[in-house]
C-alpha cells in the first residue's frame, strides 16, 4: 500500500512540475492556447473522416459479399432495423 502512495506522489509531482517556475507556468499557458486553437478544431473533422471511411469499408464488404453470393435478395444482406 505504501508503494501505491509513492506512485501517487510521483504522478502528482510529474503533473505539477511544469508550473513550478514562472517560465514553466508561461509554457503551460502557451501549450494550452495552442491546443485550444490548433489541435481541438482539427479533431472533429478527422474523427468524421475516420467514421465515414469505416462505414464505406463496411458497405463495400457487404456489397462484395452480396455480389459473390449470387443472391437476388438484397434485404438478406442489409439490416433495415438498424439506424445508420
N, C-alpha and C. Protein backbone atom coordinates (compact mmCIF):
# COMPACT_ATOMS: atom_id res chain seq x y z
N UNK A 1 0.82 -1.19 0.00
CA UNK A 1 0.00 0.00 0.00
C UNK A 1 0.87 1.26 0.00
N UNK A 2 2.04 1.17 0.65
CA UNK A 2 2.94 2.32 0.69
C UNK A 2 3.48 2.62 -0.70
N UNK A 3 3.68 1.57 -1.48
CA UNK A 3 4.17 1.77 -2.85
C UNK A 3 3.16 2.53 -3.70
N UNK A 4 1.88 2.28 -3.46
CA UNK A 4 0.83 3.00 -4.19
C UNK A 4 0.85 4.49 -3.86
N UNK A 5 1.11 4.82 -2.57
CA UNK A 5 1.21 6.22 -2.17
C UNK A 5 2.40 6.91 -2.81
N UNK A 6 3.52 6.19 -2.88
CA UNK A 6 4.71 6.76 -3.53
C UNK A 6 4.45 7.01 -5.00
N UNK A 7 3.77 6.07 -5.65
CA UNK A 7 3.45 6.25 -7.08
C UNK A 7 2.51 7.44 -7.28
N UNK A 8 1.55 7.62 -6.38
CA UNK A 8 0.63 8.76 -6.47
C UNK A 8 1.39 10.07 -6.29
N UNK A 9 2.34 10.11 -5.36
CA UNK A 9 3.14 11.32 -5.15
C UNK A 9 3.99 11.62 -6.39
N UNK A 10 4.59 10.60 -6.97
CA UNK A 10 5.39 10.82 -8.18
C UNK A 10 4.53 11.31 -9.34
N UNK A 11 3.34 10.75 -9.49
CA UNK A 11 2.45 11.20 -10.55
C UNK A 11 2.05 12.66 -10.33
N UNK A 12 1.78 13.03 -9.09
CA UNK A 12 1.41 14.41 -8.78
C UNK A 12 2.57 15.36 -9.07
N UNK A 13 3.77 14.97 -8.69
CA UNK A 13 4.94 15.81 -8.96
C UNK A 13 5.19 15.95 -10.46
N UNK A 14 4.95 14.87 -11.21
CA UNK A 14 5.14 14.92 -12.65
C UNK A 14 4.16 15.89 -13.31
N UNK A 15 2.94 15.93 -12.80
CA UNK A 15 1.92 16.80 -13.39
C UNK A 15 2.13 18.25 -12.98
N UNK A 16 2.54 18.50 -11.75
CA UNK A 16 2.66 19.88 -11.27
C UNK A 16 4.05 20.47 -11.47
N UNK A 17 5.01 19.69 -11.90
CA UNK A 17 6.37 20.18 -12.07
C UNK A 17 6.48 21.34 -13.07
N UNK A 18 5.79 21.30 -14.23
CA UNK A 18 5.95 22.43 -15.18
C UNK A 18 5.49 23.77 -14.63
N UNK A 19 4.63 23.77 -13.63
CA UNK A 19 4.12 25.02 -13.08
C UNK A 19 4.98 25.53 -11.93
N UNK A 20 6.11 24.89 -11.67
CA UNK A 20 6.94 25.27 -10.53
C UNK A 20 7.62 26.61 -10.69
N UNK A 21 7.97 27.00 -11.90
CA UNK A 21 8.64 28.28 -12.13
C UNK A 21 7.75 29.18 -12.96
N UNK A 22 8.11 30.45 -13.03
CA UNK A 22 7.33 31.41 -13.82
C UNK A 22 7.39 31.05 -15.30
N UNK A 23 8.59 30.70 -15.78
CA UNK A 23 8.73 30.32 -17.19
C UNK A 23 7.93 29.05 -17.50
N UNK A 24 7.96 28.10 -16.58
CA UNK A 24 7.19 26.87 -16.77
C UNK A 24 5.70 27.15 -16.82
N UNK A 25 5.23 28.05 -15.96
CA UNK A 25 3.82 28.42 -15.95
C UNK A 25 3.43 29.06 -17.28
N UNK A 26 4.29 29.92 -17.81
CA UNK A 26 4.02 30.55 -19.11
C UNK A 26 3.99 29.51 -20.23
N UNK A 27 4.87 28.51 -20.14
CA UNK A 27 4.87 27.45 -21.15
C UNK A 27 3.59 26.63 -21.10
N UNK A 28 3.08 26.38 -19.91
CA UNK A 28 1.81 25.66 -19.78
C UNK A 28 0.69 26.47 -20.44
N UNK A 29 0.68 27.77 -20.23
CA UNK A 29 -0.34 28.62 -20.85
C UNK A 29 -0.20 28.60 -22.37
N UNK A 30 1.04 28.67 -22.88
CA UNK A 30 1.27 28.64 -24.33
C UNK A 30 0.81 27.32 -24.94
N UNK A 31 1.13 26.22 -24.27
CA UNK A 31 0.72 24.91 -24.79
C UNK A 31 -0.79 24.77 -24.76
N UNK A 32 -1.42 25.25 -23.71
CA UNK A 32 -2.88 25.20 -23.62
C UNK A 32 -3.54 26.03 -24.69
N UNK A 33 -2.99 27.20 -24.96
CA UNK A 33 -3.54 28.06 -26.03
C UNK A 33 -3.37 27.40 -27.39
N UNK A 34 -2.23 26.77 -27.62
CA UNK A 34 -2.00 26.07 -28.88
C UNK A 34 -3.00 24.92 -29.05
N UNK A 35 -3.22 24.17 -27.99
CA UNK A 35 -4.17 23.05 -28.07
C UNK A 35 -5.59 23.54 -28.36
N UNK A 36 -5.98 24.64 -27.69
CA UNK A 36 -7.34 25.16 -27.90
C UNK A 36 -7.53 25.71 -29.30
N UNK A 37 -6.50 26.32 -29.88
CA UNK A 37 -6.69 26.99 -31.16
C UNK A 37 -6.32 26.13 -32.36
N UNK A 38 -5.45 25.13 -32.18
CA UNK A 38 -5.00 24.34 -33.33
C UNK A 38 -5.45 22.88 -33.23
N UNK A 39 -5.21 22.24 -32.11
CA UNK A 39 -5.45 20.80 -32.02
C UNK A 39 -6.94 20.48 -31.94
N UNK A 40 -7.67 21.10 -31.01
CA UNK A 40 -9.08 20.77 -30.84
C UNK A 40 -9.93 21.06 -32.08
N UNK A 41 -9.73 22.16 -32.80
CA UNK A 41 -10.55 22.36 -34.00
C UNK A 41 -10.28 21.32 -35.10
N UNK A 42 -9.13 20.68 -35.08
CA UNK A 42 -8.81 19.67 -36.10
C UNK A 42 -9.40 18.31 -35.78
N UNK A 43 -9.73 18.05 -34.53
CA UNK A 43 -10.20 16.72 -34.15
C UNK A 43 -11.56 16.32 -34.75
N UNK A 44 -12.61 17.15 -34.68
CA UNK A 44 -13.90 16.70 -35.23
C UNK A 44 -13.85 16.32 -36.72
N UNK A 45 -13.20 17.11 -37.59
CA UNK A 45 -13.14 16.66 -38.99
C UNK A 45 -12.38 15.35 -39.17
N UNK A 46 -11.31 15.16 -38.41
CA UNK A 46 -10.57 13.90 -38.51
C UNK A 46 -11.41 12.72 -38.03
N UNK A 47 -12.14 12.91 -36.95
CA UNK A 47 -12.99 11.84 -36.45
C UNK A 47 -14.12 11.51 -37.43
N UNK A 48 -14.71 12.53 -38.04
CA UNK A 48 -15.74 12.28 -39.05
C UNK A 48 -15.17 11.55 -40.26
N UNK A 49 -13.98 11.93 -40.67
CA UNK A 49 -13.32 11.27 -41.80
C UNK A 49 -13.11 9.79 -41.51
N UNK A 50 -12.63 9.48 -40.31
CA UNK A 50 -12.41 8.07 -39.94
C UNK A 50 -13.72 7.31 -39.89
N UNK A 51 -14.77 7.94 -39.38
CA UNK A 51 -16.08 7.29 -39.30
C UNK A 51 -16.61 6.99 -40.70
N UNK A 52 -16.51 7.96 -41.60
CA UNK A 52 -17.01 7.77 -42.97
C UNK A 52 -16.21 6.68 -43.67
N UNK A 53 -14.91 6.66 -43.48
CA UNK A 53 -14.09 5.61 -44.11
C UNK A 53 -14.46 4.23 -43.59
N UNK A 54 -14.70 4.11 -42.29
CA UNK A 54 -15.07 2.81 -41.72
C UNK A 54 -16.43 2.36 -42.25
N UNK A 55 -17.39 3.28 -42.34
CA UNK A 55 -18.70 2.93 -42.88
C UNK A 55 -18.59 2.52 -44.35
N UNK A 56 -17.78 3.25 -45.11
CA UNK A 56 -17.60 2.95 -46.52
C UNK A 56 -17.00 1.55 -46.70
N UNK A 57 -16.03 1.22 -45.86
CA UNK A 57 -15.41 -0.10 -45.93
C UNK A 57 -16.42 -1.20 -45.58
N UNK A 58 -17.25 -0.95 -44.59
CA UNK A 58 -18.28 -1.93 -44.21
C UNK A 58 -19.26 -2.16 -45.35
N UNK A 59 -19.73 -1.08 -45.97
CA UNK A 59 -20.69 -1.22 -47.06
C UNK A 59 -20.05 -1.87 -48.28
N UNK A 60 -18.80 -1.57 -48.55
CA UNK A 60 -18.11 -2.21 -49.68
C UNK A 60 -18.01 -3.72 -49.45
N UNK A 61 -17.67 -4.11 -48.24
CA UNK A 61 -17.56 -5.53 -47.91
C UNK A 61 -18.92 -6.22 -48.07
N UNK A 62 -19.97 -5.56 -47.63
CA UNK A 62 -21.31 -6.13 -47.77
C UNK A 62 -21.69 -6.27 -49.24
N UNK A 63 -21.35 -5.27 -50.06
CA UNK A 63 -21.67 -5.35 -51.49
C UNK A 63 -20.90 -6.46 -52.18
N UNK A 64 -19.64 -6.64 -51.82
CA UNK A 64 -18.85 -7.72 -52.42
C UNK A 64 -19.43 -9.08 -52.01
N UNK A 65 -19.80 -9.22 -50.75
CA UNK A 65 -20.40 -10.46 -50.28
C UNK A 65 -21.71 -10.73 -51.02
N UNK A 66 -22.52 -9.72 -51.19
CA UNK A 66 -23.80 -9.86 -51.92
C UNK A 66 -23.54 -10.27 -53.37
N UNK A 67 -22.58 -9.64 -54.01
CA UNK A 67 -22.28 -9.94 -55.41
C UNK A 67 -21.77 -11.37 -55.57
N UNK A 68 -20.85 -11.79 -54.70
CA UNK A 68 -20.25 -13.12 -54.83
C UNK A 68 -21.19 -14.24 -54.41
N UNK A 69 -22.22 -13.91 -53.64
CA UNK A 69 -23.15 -14.96 -53.21
C UNK A 69 -24.09 -15.36 -54.34
N UNK A 70 -24.30 -14.45 -55.28
CA UNK A 70 -25.21 -14.74 -56.38
C UNK A 70 -26.68 -14.61 -55.99
N UNK A 71 -26.95 -14.10 -54.84
CA UNK A 71 -28.32 -13.95 -54.36
C UNK A 71 -28.99 -12.78 -55.07
N UNK A 72 -30.32 -12.88 -55.14
CA UNK A 72 -31.10 -11.79 -55.72
C UNK A 72 -31.88 -11.02 -54.65
N UNK A 73 -31.76 -11.46 -53.39
CA UNK A 73 -32.47 -10.82 -52.30
C UNK A 73 -31.51 -9.92 -51.53
N UNK A 74 -31.55 -8.64 -51.82
CA UNK A 74 -30.64 -7.69 -51.17
C UNK A 74 -30.99 -7.47 -49.71
N UNK A 75 -32.26 -7.67 -49.34
CA UNK A 75 -32.67 -7.44 -47.96
C UNK A 75 -32.02 -8.43 -46.99
N UNK A 76 -31.56 -9.54 -47.49
CA UNK A 76 -30.91 -10.52 -46.63
C UNK A 76 -29.54 -10.02 -46.15
N UNK A 77 -28.97 -9.05 -46.85
CA UNK A 77 -27.64 -8.56 -46.52
C UNK A 77 -27.65 -7.23 -45.78
N UNK A 78 -28.75 -6.51 -45.81
CA UNK A 78 -28.84 -5.22 -45.16
C UNK A 78 -29.87 -5.26 -44.04
N UNK A 79 -29.46 -4.93 -42.85
CA UNK A 79 -30.35 -4.92 -41.70
C UNK A 79 -31.05 -3.57 -41.66
N UNK A 80 -32.30 -3.55 -42.09
CA UNK A 80 -33.04 -2.29 -42.17
C UNK A 80 -33.56 -1.83 -40.81
N UNK A 81 -33.49 -2.68 -39.80
CA UNK A 81 -33.97 -2.26 -38.48
C UNK A 81 -32.94 -1.40 -37.75
N UNK A 82 -31.70 -1.44 -38.19
CA UNK A 82 -30.66 -0.63 -37.55
C UNK A 82 -30.64 0.79 -38.10
N UNK A 83 -30.31 1.73 -37.25
CA UNK A 83 -30.22 3.12 -37.67
C UNK A 83 -28.78 3.38 -38.11
N UNK A 84 -28.59 4.05 -39.22
CA UNK A 84 -27.25 4.42 -39.67
C UNK A 84 -26.67 3.35 -40.46
